[in-house]
Amino acid sequence: MEDYIDLLPELCDAYPDKVRVCEPMFINYGGREAFGGEIVTVKACEDNSLVKEQLSFAGNGRVLVVDGAGSMRRAMLGDMIAESAVKQGWAGVVIYGCIRDVNAIGGLDLGVQALGSIPLKTNRKGVGELNVPVTFGGVTFHPGEFLYADSNGLLVSAEALSLP
């Protein structure tokens, strides 16, 4: 997946009726520019307890989609949690919110897209929901569907896609 520089335009051309494209709002922070995989979701605002927990489990090439309510006040992902995601085999993380430790995350073999960065960490209270549909950017992300991302943006499909 990461070998394709412009993966999304290729997928949109090949599968125009099977993709839902998210509105442009994300910045590509990870060392892996193009990534994709089965979606796992977390819904939590300014509490990354579930993000940390999920990324400590085997990722098997999946993508964690985090609905952080678009908050620009706290970082939902930092370098230590991102390093755990790499060790556990996650393909990527999409944060509808902020991250921190951007230089360290940029050096990891992990796809990471977020709205922005801020140096403040979250307060962990164990609050949030796991594997529920989340909606932002005009797209609903359902657990078990597939997300693909690169510097062109991100898209979702109900089924796994491959380039012809």
C-alpha atoms as a PDB file:
ATOM      1  CA  MET A   1       0.000   0.000   0.000  1.00  0.00           C
ATOM      2  CA  GLU A   2       2.699   2.476   1.008  1.00  0.00           C
ATOM      3  CA  ASP A   3       4.462   2.006  -2.362  1.00  0.00           C
ATOM      4  CA  TYR A   4       1.792   4.076  -4.117  1.00  0.00           C
ATOM      5  CA  ILE A   5       2.523   7.784  -4.004  1.00  0.00           C
ATOM      6  CA  ASP A   6      -0.969   8.779  -5.176  1.00  0.00           C
ATOM      7  CA  LEU A   7      -3.047   5.851  -3.971  1.00  0.00           C
ATOM      8  CA  LEU A   8      -6.362   7.673  -3.492  1.00  0.00           C
ATOM      9  CA  PRO A   9      -6.742   9.075  -7.010  1.00  0.00           C
ATOM     10  CA  GLU A  10      -6.071   5.574  -8.368  1.00  0.00           C
ATOM     11  CA  LEU A  11      -8.695   4.026  -6.062  1.00  0.00           C
ATOM     12  CA  CYS A  12     -11.247   6.753  -6.866  1.00  0.00           C
ATOM     13  CA  ASP A  13     -10.727   6.175 -10.601  1.00  0.00           C
ATOM     14  CA  ALA A  14     -10.942   2.395 -10.285  1.00  0.00           C
ATOM     15  CA  TYR A  15     -13.898   2.256  -7.845  1.00  0.00           C
ATOM     16  CA  PRO A  16     -15.949   5.482  -8.218  1.00  0.00           C
ATOM     17  CA  ASP A  17     -19.145   3.850  -6.930  1.00  0.00           C
ATOM     18  CA  LYS A  18     -17.529   2.066  -3.971  1.00  0.00           C
ATOM     19  CA  VAL A  19     -15.719   4.896  -2.201  1.00  0.00           C
ATOM     20  CA  ARG A  20     -16.771   7.662   0.186  1.00  0.00           C
ATOM     21  CA  VAL A  21     -14.267  10.509   0.284  1.00  0.00           C
ATOM     22  CA  CYS A  22     -13.706  12.547   3.438  1.00  0.00           C
ATOM     23  CA  GLU A  23     -13.687  16.337   3.146  1.00  0.00           C
ATOM     24  CA  PRO A  24     -10.132  17.720   3.054  1.00  0.00           C
ATOM     25  CA  MET A  25      -9.018  18.663   6.547  1.00  0.00           C
ATOM     26  CA  PHE A  26      -6.262  16.271   7.581  1.00  0.00           C
ATOM     27  CA  ILE A  27      -2.495  16.705   7.691  1.00  0.00           C
ATOM     28  CA  ASN A  28      -0.245  13.717   7.011  1.00  0.00           C
ATOM     29  CA  TYR A  29       2.174  13.347   9.964  1.00  0.00           C
ATOM     30  CA  GLY A  30       3.327   9.731   9.869  1.00  0.00           C
ATOM     31  CA  GLY A  31       6.406   8.250   8.268  1.00  0.00           C
ATOM     32  CA  ARG A  32       4.147   6.084   6.097  1.00  0.00           C
ATOM     33  CA  GLU A  33       2.439   8.441   3.631  1.00  0.00           C
ATOM     34  CA  ALA A  34       0.046   5.950   2.061  1.00  0.00           C
ATOM     35  CA  PHE A  35      -1.761   3.414   4.208  1.00  0.00           C
ATOM     36  CA  GLY A  36      -4.962   1.460   4.466  1.00  0.00           C
ATOM     37  CA  GLY A  37      -6.693  -1.291   6.331  1.00  0.00           C
ATOM     38  CA  GLU A  38      -9.745  -2.448   8.225  1.00  0.00           C
ATOM     39  CA  ILE A  39     -11.268   0.186  10.496  1.00  0.00           C
ATOM     40  CA  VAL A  40     -11.397   0.060  14.289  1.00  0.00           C
ATOM     41  CA  THR A  41     -13.024   3.117  15.898  1.00  0.00           C
ATOM     42  CA  VAL A  42     -12.691   5.033  19.133  1.00  0.00           C
ATOM     43  CA  LYS A  43     -14.951   7.922  20.106  1.00  0.00           C
ATOM     44  CA  ALA A  44     -13.510  10.062  22.895  1.00  0.00           C
ATOM     45  CA  CYS A  45     -12.919  13.759  23.462  1.00  0.00           C
ATOM     46  CA  GLU A  46      -9.670  14.836  25.147  1.00  0.00           C
ATOM     47  CA  ASP A  47      -9.162  11.396  26.731  1.00  0.00           C
ATOM     48  CA  ASN A  48      -6.877   8.968  24.918  1.00  0.00           C
ATOM     49  CA  SER A  49      -7.283   6.020  27.304  1.00  0.00           C
ATOM     50  CA  LEU A  50      -8.957   3.840  24.653  1.00  0.00           C
ATOM     51  CA  VAL A  51      -6.491   4.964  21.979  1.00  0.00           C
ATOM     52  CA  LYS A  52      -3.580   3.808  24.136  1.00  0.00           C
ATOM     53  CA  GLU A  53      -5.341   0.562  24.996  1.00  0.00           C
ATOM     54  CA  GLN A  54      -6.303  -0.342  21.428  1.00  0.00           C
ATOM     55  CA  LEU A  55      -2.877   0.449  19.976  1.00  0.00           C
ATOM     56  CA  SER A  56      -1.277  -1.873  22.549  1.00  0.00           C
ATOM     57  CA  PHE A  57      -3.150  -4.816  20.990  1.00  0.00           C
ATOM     58  CA  ALA A  58      -2.187  -6.609  17.760  1.00  0.00           C
ATOM     59  CA  GLY A  59      -3.139  -4.369  14.853  1.00  0.00           C
ATOM     60  CA  ASN A  60      -2.865  -6.891  12.027  1.00  0.00           C
ATOM     61  CA  GLY A  61      -2.642  -4.075   9.472  1.00  0.00           C
ATOM     62  CA  ARG A  62      -5.769  -2.290  10.703  1.00  0.00           C
ATOM     63  CA  VAL A  63      -6.374   1.465  10.990  1.00  0.00           C
ATOM     64  CA  LEU A  64      -7.590   3.137  14.179  1.00  0.00           C
ATOM     65  CA  VAL A  65     -10.053   5.948  13.447  1.00  0.00           C
ATOM     66  CA  VAL A  66     -10.416   8.279  16.429  1.00  0.00           C
ATOM     67  CA  ASP A  67     -13.310  10.718  16.699  1.00  0.00           C
ATOM     68  CA  GLY A  68     -11.802  13.248  19.073  1.00  0.00           C
ATOM     69  CA  ALA A  69     -14.733  15.630  18.436  1.00  0.00           C
ATOM     70  CA  GLY A  70     -12.394  17.854  16.425  1.00  0.00           C
ATOM     71  CA  SER A  71     -10.853  19.157  19.655  1.00  0.00           C
ATOM     72  CA  MET A  72      -7.759  21.271  19.163  1.00  0.00           C
ATOM     73  CA  ARG A  73      -7.068  21.482  22.919  1.00  0.00           C
ATOM     74  CA  ARG A  74      -5.394  18.121  23.704  1.00  0.00           C
ATOM     75  CA  ALA A  75      -3.291  15.587  21.783  1.00  0.00           C
ATOM     76  CA  MET A  76      -4.928  12.185  21.360  1.00  0.00           C
ATOM     77  CA  LEU A  77      -1.691  10.531  20.127  1.00  0.00           C
ATOM     78  CA  GLY A  78       1.957  10.960  21.091  1.00  0.00           C
ATOM     79  CA  ASP A  79       5.227   9.245  20.233  1.00  0.00           C
ATOM     80  CA  MET A  80       5.103   6.483  22.862  1.00  0.00           C
ATOM     81  CA  ILE A  81       1.611   5.330  21.877  1.00  0.00           C
ATOM     82  CA  ALA A  82       2.550   5.603  18.180  1.00  0.00           C
ATOM     83  CA  GLU A  83       5.663   3.471  18.799  1.00  0.00           C
ATOM     84  CA  SER A  84       3.429   0.869  20.428  1.00  0.00           C
ATOM     85  CA  ALA A  85       1.188   0.903  17.341  1.00  0.00           C
ATOM     86  CA  VAL A  86       4.195   0.213  15.096  1.00  0.00           C
ATOM     87  CA  LYS A  87       5.355  -2.676  17.319  1.00  0.00           C
ATOM     88  CA  GLN A  88       1.832  -4.137  17.291  1.00  0.00           C
ATOM     89  CA  GLY A  89       1.476  -3.995  13.480  1.00  0.00           C
ATOM     90  CA  TRP A  90      -1.067  -1.200  12.975  1.00  0.00           C
ATOM     91  CA  ALA A  91      -1.099   0.347   9.484  1.00  0.00           C
ATOM     92  CA  GLY A  92      -2.224   3.764  10.636  1.00  0.00           C
ATOM     93  CA  VAL A  93      -4.165   6.116  12.852  1.00  0.00           C
ATOM     94  CA  VAL A  94      -6.572   8.873  11.826  1.00  0.00           C
ATOM     95  CA  ILE A  95      -7.347  11.433  14.529  1.00  0.00           C
ATOM     96  CA  TYR A  96     -10.249  13.861  14.218  1.00  0.00           C
ATOM     97  CA  GLY A  97      -8.352  16.046  16.644  1.00  0.00           C
ATOM     98  CA  CYS A  98      -4.680  16.657  17.458  1.00  0.00           C
ATOM     99  CA  ILE A  99      -1.446  14.754  17.985  1.00  0.00           C
ATOM    100  CA  ARG A 100       1.882  15.720  19.544  1.00  0.00           C
ATOM    101  CA  ASP A 101       5.539  14.669  19.143  1.00  0.00           C
ATOM    102  CA  VAL A 102       5.242  15.310  15.411  1.00  0.00           C
ATOM    103  CA  ASN A 103       8.959  14.930  14.614  1.00  0.00           C
ATOM    104  CA  ALA A 104       9.197  11.558  16.357  1.00  0.00           C
ATOM    105  CA  ILE A 105       5.962  10.319  14.745  1.00  0.00           C
ATOM    106  CA  GLY A 106       7.231  11.440  11.335  1.00  0.00           C
ATOM    107  CA  GLY A 107      10.117   9.000  11.724  1.00  0.00           C
ATOM    108  CA  LEU A 108       7.897   5.977  12.412  1.00  0.00           C
ATOM    109  CA  ASP A 109       6.649   3.447   9.853  1.00  0.00           C
ATOM    110  CA  LEU A 110       3.052   4.328  10.655  1.00  0.00           C
ATOM    111  CA  GLY A 111       0.409   6.270   8.780  1.00  0.00           C
ATOM    112  CA  VAL A 112      -0.859   9.153  10.914  1.00  0.00           C
ATOM    113  CA  GLN A 113      -3.296  11.846   9.863  1.00  0.00           C
ATOM    114  CA  ALA A 114      -4.766  14.467  12.180  1.00  0.00           C
ATOM    115  CA  LEU A 115      -6.259  17.955  12.139  1.00  0.00           C
ATOM    116  CA  GLY A 116      -3.222  19.521  13.783  1.00  0.00           C
ATOM    117  CA  SER A 117      -0.739  19.300  16.610  1.00  0.00           C
ATOM    118  CA  ILE A 118      -0.566  20.626  20.156  1.00  0.00           C
ATOM    119  CA  PRO A 119       1.958  19.771  22.891  1.00  0.00           C
ATOM    120  CA  LEU A 120      -0.637  19.152  25.643  1.00  0.00           C
ATOM    121  CA  LYS A 121      -1.450  15.553  26.564  1.00  0.00           C
ATOM    122  CA  THR A 122      -4.907  14.361  27.542  1.00  0.00           C
ATOM    123  CA  ASN A 123      -6.229  13.609  31.001  1.00  0.00           C
ATOM    124  CA  ARG A 124      -6.874   9.870  31.084  1.00  0.00           C
ATOM    125  CA  LYS A 125     -10.163   9.066  32.769  1.00  0.00           C
ATOM    126  CA  GLY A 126     -11.073   5.905  30.873  1.00  0.00           C
ATOM    127  CA  VAL A 127     -13.887   7.690  29.033  1.00  0.00           C
ATOM    128  CA  GLY A 128     -14.918   6.806  25.485  1.00  0.00           C
ATOM    129  CA  GLU A 129     -16.610   4.324  23.201  1.00  0.00           C
ATOM    130  CA  LEU A 130     -15.048   1.516  21.186  1.00  0.00           C
ATOM    131  CA  ASN A 131     -16.144   0.244  17.756  1.00  0.00           C
ATOM    132  CA  VAL A 132     -19.124   2.520  17.228  1.00  0.00           C
ATOM    133  CA  PRO A 133     -19.816   4.312  13.937  1.00  0.00           C
ATOM    134  CA  VAL A 134     -18.222   7.777  13.950  1.00  0.00           C
ATOM    135  CA  THR A 135     -18.956  10.635  11.560  1.00  0.00           C
ATOM    136  CA  PHE A 136     -16.811  13.588  10.529  1.00  0.00           C
ATOM    137  CA  GLY A 137     -15.760  15.206   7.268  1.00  0.00           C
ATOM    138  CA  GLY A 138     -19.011  14.146   5.603  1.00  0.00           C
ATOM    139  CA  VAL A 139     -18.244  10.423   6.029  1.00  0.00           C
ATOM    140  CA  THR A 140     -19.399   7.801   8.510  1.00  0.00           C
ATOM    141  CA  PHE A 141     -16.653   5.365   9.480  1.00  0.00           C
ATOM    142  CA  HIS A 142     -18.017   1.931  10.389  1.00  0.00           C
ATOM    143  CA  PRO A 143     -15.905  -0.647  12.213  1.00  0.00           C
ATOM    144  CA  GLY A 144     -15.046  -3.457   9.818  1.00  0.00           C
ATOM    145  CA  GLU A 145     -15.077  -1.236   6.724  1.00  0.00           C
ATOM    146  CA  PHE A 146     -11.826  -0.155   5.066  1.00  0.00           C
ATOM    147  CA  LEU A 147      -9.982   3.149   5.129  1.00  0.00           C
ATOM    148  CA  TYR A 148      -7.323   4.259   2.652  1.00  0.00           C
ATOM    149  CA  ALA A 149      -5.231   7.406   3.083  1.00  0.00           C
ATOM    150  CA  ASP A 150      -2.388   9.317   1.490  1.00  0.00           C
ATOM    151  CA  SER A 151      -1.398  12.955   1.054  1.00  0.00           C
ATOM    152  CA  ASN A 152      -4.477  13.441  -1.169  1.00  0.00           C
ATOM    153  CA  GLY A 153      -6.801  12.745   1.765  1.00  0.00           C
ATOM    154  CA  LEU A 154      -8.726   9.689   2.921  1.00  0.00           C
ATOM    155  CA  LEU A 155     -11.572   7.504   1.759  1.00  0.00           C
ATOM    156  CA  VAL A 156     -13.709   4.666   3.046  1.00  0.00           C
ATOM    157  CA  SER A 157     -15.101   1.591   1.341  1.00  0.00           C
ATOM    158  CA  ALA A 158     -17.412  -1.145   2.620  1.00  0.00           C
ATOM    159  CA  GLU A 159     -15.044  -3.706   1.104  1.00  0.00           C
ATOM    160  CA  ALA A 160     -11.281  -4.096   0.729  1.00  0.00           C
ATOM    161  CA  LEU A 161      -9.985  -2.499  -2.457  1.00  0.00           C
ATOM    162  CA  SER A 162      -6.931  -3.249  -4.561  1.00  0.00           C
ATOM    163  CA  LEU A 163      -5.485  -1.512  -7.564  1.00  0.00           C
ATOM    164  CA  PRO A 164      -6.239  -3.243 -10.871  1.00  0.00           C
END
